[in-house]
Each structure stands twice: as structure tokens, then as C-alpha cells.
Amino acid sequence: MNVTTTITGTSARLTPQGEIDFYTLSPLHTAVDRLPAGVVDLLWDLEHLSFTDVAGLRVLFSPTPHSGPHRRTAVANLRDQPLQLLLIAAGLFPTAYDLSRLIPDTPAGFTAFGS
């Protein structure tokens, strides 16, 4: 798992390449932990992410350590499989996986299955 980090002012773009699962979490956590404290906006660019499982959900919805700064988190360039996982998770657990937090154009209260 390679993760490219680009920092511009108070924003950071993290671009993982490959797959996110339990075994590839370490480089992702390391990339987030190494961000400067002044970074308040975190964008996960998932253009090169071919697969994720529940581990990816945890990364996206809990991207900062409890002792670290609060960061606004968004995702961009979602491919089919990661997008489908997000939609299923949001449909089953809309409070825990609020897509309006990650995808800025998602209406508040959106549910994947229209429930």
C-alpha cells in the first residue's frame, strides 16, 4: 500500500494506491498521524483504490487519532466498489455512516435505500 500525501496550506490530500483491508491499515494510519497539526481539511482521493472492506470505512469515518486535531474529511474520485460499500453501509447504518460528512454534495439525511 502506497499513500501519496499532498499538503497545501491547511488542507491535505491522501491518495492510497491498491486495496484497503485490515493488513494495509498501517500505512494509512501513519500517513494521517504524520499530518501537521494545522491541517484541518483532509481529502481522501480514492482514484487508485480498487477495493476496500470494513477497514476502509473505519479509516474514512475515524481518520484522526482521539488525541489529534479534528479534521473535516471528504472523499473524491470514488470507484465502483468503494462507492457501493459506502452506499450499503449508509443504507444499513445511516447514523454511523453519514455520507453527507464525506461527500459534500450529498444531501443531509440521504439514505442509500431511500428508507
N, C-alpha and C. Protein backbone atom coordinates (compact mmCIF):
# COMPACT_ATOMS: atom_id res chain seq x y z
N MET A 1 0.85 -1.17 0.00
CA MET A 1 0.00 0.00 0.00
C MET A 1 0.89 1.24 0.00
N ASN A 2 0.78 2.02 -1.03
CA ASN A 2 1.45 3.31 -1.08
C ASN A 2 0.43 4.40 -0.84
N VAL A 3 0.83 5.44 -0.11
CA VAL A 3 -0.04 6.57 0.14
C VAL A 3 0.74 7.83 -0.20
N THR A 4 0.22 8.60 -1.14
CA THR A 4 0.82 9.88 -1.50
C THR A 4 0.13 10.97 -0.72
N THR A 5 0.91 11.85 -0.10
CA THR A 5 0.36 12.95 0.68
C THR A 5 0.76 14.26 0.04
N THR A 6 -0.23 15.13 -0.18
CA THR A 6 0.00 16.47 -0.70
C THR A 6 -0.63 17.45 0.26
N ILE A 7 0.17 18.39 0.76
CA ILE A 7 -0.33 19.38 1.70
C ILE A 7 -0.27 20.75 1.06
N THR A 8 -1.39 21.45 1.12
CA THR A 8 -1.49 22.82 0.60
C THR A 8 -2.15 23.65 1.68
N GLY A 9 -1.38 24.49 2.34
CA GLY A 9 -1.93 25.31 3.42
C GLY A 9 -2.47 24.45 4.54
N THR A 10 -3.76 24.57 4.82
CA THR A 10 -4.39 23.81 5.90
C THR A 10 -5.14 22.58 5.38
N SER A 11 -4.87 22.21 4.12
CA SER A 11 -5.54 21.05 3.52
C SER A 11 -4.53 19.98 3.15
N ALA A 12 -4.96 18.74 3.28
CA ALA A 12 -4.12 17.61 2.88
C ALA A 12 -4.94 16.68 1.99
N ARG A 13 -4.28 16.15 0.97
CA ARG A 13 -4.87 15.15 0.08
C ARG A 13 -4.06 13.88 0.25
N LEU A 14 -4.74 12.80 0.66
CA LEU A 14 -4.10 11.50 0.79
C LEU A 14 -4.63 10.61 -0.32
N THR A 15 -3.70 10.03 -1.08
CA THR A 15 -4.08 9.20 -2.22
C THR A 15 -3.49 7.80 -2.04
N PRO A 16 -4.31 6.87 -1.52
CA PRO A 16 -3.82 5.49 -1.39
C PRO A 16 -3.90 4.78 -2.74
N GLN A 17 -3.00 3.83 -2.93
CA GLN A 17 -2.99 3.03 -4.16
C GLN A 17 -3.07 1.57 -3.78
N GLY A 18 -4.03 0.86 -4.37
CA GLY A 18 -4.17 -0.56 -4.09
C GLY A 18 -5.50 -0.87 -3.44
N GLU A 19 -5.44 -1.62 -2.35
CA GLU A 19 -6.62 -2.08 -1.64
C GLU A 19 -6.51 -1.72 -0.16
N ILE A 20 -7.66 -1.43 0.46
CA ILE A 20 -7.67 -1.20 1.90
C ILE A 20 -8.36 -2.39 2.55
N ASP A 21 -7.63 -3.02 3.45
CA ASP A 21 -8.18 -4.07 4.30
C ASP A 21 -7.39 -4.03 5.61
N PHE A 22 -7.67 -4.94 6.49
CA PHE A 22 -7.01 -4.95 7.80
C PHE A 22 -5.50 -4.91 7.67
N TYR A 23 -4.94 -5.58 6.69
CA TYR A 23 -3.49 -5.72 6.56
C TYR A 23 -2.82 -4.48 5.97
N THR A 24 -3.59 -3.57 5.38
CA THR A 24 -2.99 -2.38 4.79
C THR A 24 -3.32 -1.11 5.57
N LEU A 25 -3.86 -1.25 6.77
CA LEU A 25 -4.22 -0.08 7.57
C LEU A 25 -3.02 0.71 8.08
N SER A 26 -1.93 0.03 8.38
CA SER A 26 -0.78 0.71 8.99
C SER A 26 -0.28 1.90 8.17
N PRO A 27 -0.03 1.77 6.87
CA PRO A 27 0.44 2.94 6.11
C PRO A 27 -0.58 4.08 6.08
N LEU A 28 -1.85 3.75 6.12
CA LEU A 28 -2.89 4.79 6.12
C LEU A 28 -2.88 5.55 7.44
N HIS A 29 -2.82 4.82 8.53
CA HIS A 29 -2.76 5.47 9.85
C HIS A 29 -1.49 6.30 9.98
N THR A 30 -0.39 5.78 9.49
CA THR A 30 0.87 6.52 9.55
C THR A 30 0.77 7.82 8.76
N ALA A 31 0.18 7.78 7.58
CA ALA A 31 0.04 8.99 6.77
C ALA A 31 -0.80 10.04 7.49
N VAL A 32 -1.88 9.61 8.13
CA VAL A 32 -2.73 10.55 8.87
C VAL A 32 -1.99 11.08 10.10
N ASP A 33 -1.31 10.20 10.82
CA ASP A 33 -0.60 10.61 12.03
C ASP A 33 0.51 11.61 11.73
N ARG A 34 1.07 11.56 10.55
CA ARG A 34 2.18 12.46 10.19
C ARG A 34 1.73 13.82 9.67
N LEU A 35 0.43 14.01 9.53
CA LEU A 35 -0.05 15.31 9.05
C LEU A 35 0.22 16.38 10.10
N PRO A 36 0.61 17.57 9.67
CA PRO A 36 0.83 18.66 10.62
C PRO A 36 -0.46 19.00 11.37
N ALA A 37 -0.32 19.48 12.58
CA ALA A 37 -1.48 19.83 13.40
C ALA A 37 -2.34 20.90 12.75
N GLY A 38 -1.76 21.74 11.90
CA GLY A 38 -2.50 22.82 11.25
C GLY A 38 -3.41 22.36 10.12
N VAL A 39 -3.34 21.10 9.74
CA VAL A 39 -4.21 20.59 8.68
C VAL A 39 -5.60 20.38 9.25
N VAL A 40 -6.58 21.09 8.69
CA VAL A 40 -7.97 20.99 9.17
C VAL A 40 -8.89 20.34 8.15
N ASP A 41 -8.46 20.24 6.90
CA ASP A 41 -9.24 19.61 5.85
C ASP A 41 -8.46 18.42 5.29
N LEU A 42 -9.10 17.26 5.31
CA LEU A 42 -8.47 16.03 4.83
C LEU A 42 -9.31 15.46 3.69
N LEU A 43 -8.70 15.34 2.53
CA LEU A 43 -9.37 14.76 1.37
C LEU A 43 -8.72 13.43 1.04
N TRP A 44 -9.53 12.38 1.04
CA TRP A 44 -9.07 11.06 0.59
C TRP A 44 -9.38 10.97 -0.89
N ASP A 45 -8.35 10.95 -1.72
CA ASP A 45 -8.52 10.79 -3.16
C ASP A 45 -8.43 9.30 -3.46
N LEU A 46 -9.55 8.69 -3.81
CA LEU A 46 -9.62 7.23 -3.95
C LEU A 46 -9.56 6.77 -5.40
N GLU A 47 -9.01 7.60 -6.26
CA GLU A 47 -8.92 7.27 -7.69
C GLU A 47 -8.18 5.96 -7.94
N HIS A 48 -7.17 5.66 -7.13
CA HIS A 48 -6.34 4.47 -7.34
C HIS A 48 -6.66 3.36 -6.36
N LEU A 49 -7.83 3.46 -5.70
CA LEU A 49 -8.25 2.43 -4.75
C LEU A 49 -9.18 1.47 -5.46
N SER A 50 -8.75 0.23 -5.60
CA SER A 50 -9.55 -0.75 -6.34
C SER A 50 -10.52 -1.51 -5.46
N PHE A 51 -10.25 -1.58 -4.15
CA PHE A 51 -11.08 -2.37 -3.25
C PHE A 51 -10.93 -1.86 -1.83
N THR A 52 -12.02 -1.91 -1.08
CA THR A 52 -11.95 -1.70 0.35
C THR A 52 -13.00 -2.54 1.03
N ASP A 53 -12.74 -2.86 2.27
CA ASP A 53 -13.73 -3.57 3.08
C ASP A 53 -14.06 -2.70 4.28
N VAL A 54 -14.54 -3.29 5.34
CA VAL A 54 -14.93 -2.53 6.52
C VAL A 54 -13.76 -1.71 7.08
N ALA A 55 -12.56 -2.18 6.90
CA ALA A 55 -11.39 -1.43 7.36
C ALA A 55 -11.35 -0.05 6.70
N GLY A 56 -11.72 0.03 5.43
CA GLY A 56 -11.76 1.31 4.75
C GLY A 56 -12.81 2.24 5.32
N LEU A 57 -13.95 1.69 5.72
CA LEU A 57 -14.97 2.51 6.37
C LEU A 57 -14.44 3.12 7.65
N ARG A 58 -13.73 2.34 8.41
CA ARG A 58 -13.15 2.84 9.67
C ARG A 58 -12.17 3.97 9.41
N VAL A 59 -11.35 3.82 8.39
CA VAL A 59 -10.39 4.87 8.06
C VAL A 59 -11.11 6.15 7.66
N LEU A 60 -12.11 6.03 6.82
CA LEU A 60 -12.81 7.21 6.31
C LEU A 60 -13.65 7.92 7.36
N PHE A 61 -14.23 7.15 8.28
CA PHE A 61 -15.11 7.76 9.27
C PHE A 61 -14.43 8.02 10.61
N SER A 62 -13.21 7.59 10.79
CA SER A 62 -12.44 7.88 12.01
C SER A 62 -11.00 8.18 11.62
N PRO A 63 -10.79 9.22 10.82
CA PRO A 63 -9.46 9.43 10.24
C PRO A 63 -8.42 10.01 11.17
N THR A 64 -8.80 10.54 12.32
CA THR A 64 -7.80 11.15 13.19
C THR A 64 -7.76 10.43 14.53
N PRO A 65 -6.58 10.35 15.11
CA PRO A 65 -6.49 9.74 16.44
C PRO A 65 -7.27 10.58 17.44
N HIS A 66 -7.71 9.94 18.51
CA HIS A 66 -8.51 10.65 19.51
C HIS A 66 -7.78 11.86 20.07
N SER A 67 -6.47 11.81 20.17
CA SER A 67 -5.72 12.93 20.73
C SER A 67 -5.36 13.97 19.67
N GLY A 68 -5.62 13.67 18.39
CA GLY A 68 -5.24 14.57 17.32
C GLY A 68 -6.29 15.64 17.06
N PRO A 69 -5.98 16.55 16.16
CA PRO A 69 -6.91 17.63 15.84
C PRO A 69 -8.12 17.10 15.07
N HIS A 70 -9.25 17.79 15.24
CA HIS A 70 -10.45 17.45 14.47
C HIS A 70 -10.24 17.94 13.03
N ARG A 71 -10.56 17.10 12.07
CA ARG A 71 -10.41 17.47 10.66
C ARG A 71 -11.70 17.19 9.91
N ARG A 72 -12.06 18.12 9.02
CA ARG A 72 -13.16 17.86 8.10
C ARG A 72 -12.64 16.88 7.07
N THR A 73 -13.39 15.82 6.84
CA THR A 73 -12.94 14.76 5.95
C THR A 73 -13.90 14.63 4.78
N ALA A 74 -13.33 14.47 3.59
CA ALA A 74 -14.13 14.26 2.38
C ALA A 74 -13.43 13.21 1.52
N VAL A 75 -14.17 12.66 0.57
CA VAL A 75 -13.60 11.72 -0.38
C VAL A 75 -13.84 12.24 -1.79
N ALA A 76 -12.97 11.83 -2.69
CA ALA A 76 -13.10 12.20 -4.10
C ALA A 76 -12.71 11.01 -4.95
N ASN A 77 -13.21 11.01 -6.18
CA ASN A 77 -12.83 10.01 -7.18
C ASN A 77 -13.12 8.58 -6.75
N LEU A 78 -14.31 8.38 -6.18
CA LEU A 78 -14.71 7.04 -5.75
C LEU A 78 -14.92 6.13 -6.96
N ARG A 79 -14.33 4.97 -6.92
CA ARG A 79 -14.57 3.95 -7.94
C ARG A 79 -15.76 3.11 -7.51
N ASP A 80 -16.21 2.23 -8.38
CA ASP A 80 -17.46 1.49 -8.15
C ASP A 80 -17.51 0.72 -6.84
N GLN A 81 -16.52 -0.13 -6.58
CA GLN A 81 -16.61 -0.99 -5.39
C GLN A 81 -16.59 -0.18 -4.10
N PRO A 82 -15.66 0.77 -3.91
CA PRO A 82 -15.71 1.56 -2.68
C PRO A 82 -17.01 2.36 -2.54
N LEU A 83 -17.53 2.88 -3.64
CA LEU A 83 -18.78 3.62 -3.61
C LEU A 83 -19.93 2.71 -3.19
N GLN A 84 -20.00 1.51 -3.75
CA GLN A 84 -21.06 0.57 -3.38
C GLN A 84 -20.99 0.22 -1.90
N LEU A 85 -19.79 0.02 -1.37
CA LEU A 85 -19.64 -0.28 0.06
C LEU A 85 -20.15 0.88 0.90
N LEU A 86 -19.80 2.11 0.52
CA LEU A 86 -20.28 3.28 1.26
C LEU A 86 -21.81 3.36 1.22
N LEU A 87 -22.39 3.11 0.06
CA LEU A 87 -23.85 3.18 -0.07
C LEU A 87 -24.54 2.11 0.76
N ILE A 88 -24.00 0.92 0.77
CA ILE A 88 -24.58 -0.16 1.57
C ILE A 88 -24.48 0.18 3.06
N ALA A 89 -23.29 0.62 3.49
CA ALA A 89 -23.10 0.97 4.90
C ALA A 89 -24.03 2.10 5.31
N ALA A 90 -24.15 3.12 4.46
CA ALA A 90 -25.03 4.25 4.78
C ALA A 90 -26.49 3.81 4.82
N GLY A 91 -26.86 2.88 3.96
CA GLY A 91 -28.23 2.38 3.96
C GLY A 91 -28.56 1.57 5.20
N LEU A 92 -27.59 0.78 5.66
CA LEU A 92 -27.82 -0.07 6.83
C LEU A 92 -27.65 0.69 8.14
N PHE A 93 -26.69 1.60 8.19
CA PHE A 93 -26.36 2.33 9.41
C PHE A 93 -26.19 3.82 9.11
N PRO A 94 -27.29 4.51 8.78
CA PRO A 94 -27.19 5.90 8.33
C PRO A 94 -26.59 6.86 9.35
N THR A 95 -26.77 6.60 10.62
CA THR A 95 -26.20 7.49 11.63
C THR A 95 -24.68 7.33 11.72
N ALA A 96 -24.23 6.10 11.68
CA ALA A 96 -22.79 5.83 11.79
C ALA A 96 -22.04 6.20 10.52
N TYR A 97 -22.68 6.01 9.36
CA TYR A 97 -22.02 6.26 8.08
C TYR A 97 -22.78 7.34 7.32
N ASP A 98 -22.69 8.54 7.83
CA ASP A 98 -23.38 9.69 7.25
C ASP A 98 -22.58 10.18 6.04
N LEU A 99 -23.07 9.88 4.84
CA LEU A 99 -22.34 10.24 3.63
C LEU A 99 -22.22 11.74 3.43
N SER A 100 -23.10 12.52 4.01
CA SER A 100 -23.00 13.97 3.84
C SER A 100 -21.74 14.51 4.49
N ARG A 101 -21.15 13.75 5.41
CA ARG A 101 -19.86 14.14 6.01
C ARG A 101 -18.71 13.94 5.02
N LEU A 102 -18.79 12.89 4.23
CA LEU A 102 -17.68 12.53 3.35
C LEU A 102 -17.81 13.08 1.94
N ILE A 103 -19.04 13.12 1.45
CA ILE A 103 -19.27 13.55 0.08
C ILE A 103 -20.06 14.85 0.15
N PRO A 104 -19.39 15.98 -0.02
CA PRO A 104 -20.02 17.28 0.23
C PRO A 104 -21.33 17.52 -0.51
N ASP A 105 -21.55 16.94 -1.68
CA ASP A 105 -22.76 17.18 -2.44
C ASP A 105 -23.92 16.26 -2.04
N THR A 106 -23.72 15.43 -1.01
CA THR A 106 -24.78 14.52 -0.57
C THR A 106 -25.74 15.26 0.34
N PRO A 107 -27.03 15.21 0.05
CA PRO A 107 -28.00 15.89 0.92
C PRO A 107 -27.99 15.30 2.33
N ALA A 108 -28.15 16.16 3.33
CA ALA A 108 -28.23 15.68 4.71
C ALA A 108 -29.39 14.72 4.83
N GLY A 109 -29.20 13.64 5.58
CA GLY A 109 -30.25 12.67 5.76
C GLY A 109 -30.39 11.68 4.62
N PHE A 110 -29.50 11.74 3.62
CA PHE A 110 -29.54 10.81 2.49
C PHE A 110 -29.40 9.39 3.00
N THR A 111 -30.21 8.50 2.46
CA THR A 111 -30.04 7.07 2.73
C THR A 111 -29.95 6.34 1.40
N ALA A 112 -29.10 5.38 1.35
CA ALA A 112 -28.84 4.68 0.09
C ALA A 112 -30.04 3.91 -0.43
N PHE A 113 -30.90 3.45 0.47
CA PHE A 113 -32.02 2.64 0.04
C PHE A 113 -33.34 3.38 0.13
N GLY A 114 -33.27 4.71 0.35
CA GLY A 114 -34.47 5.51 0.40
C GLY A 114 -35.33 5.25 1.61
N SER A 115 -34.74 4.68 2.67
CA SER A 115 -35.52 4.40 3.87
C SER A 115 -35.56 5.59 4.79
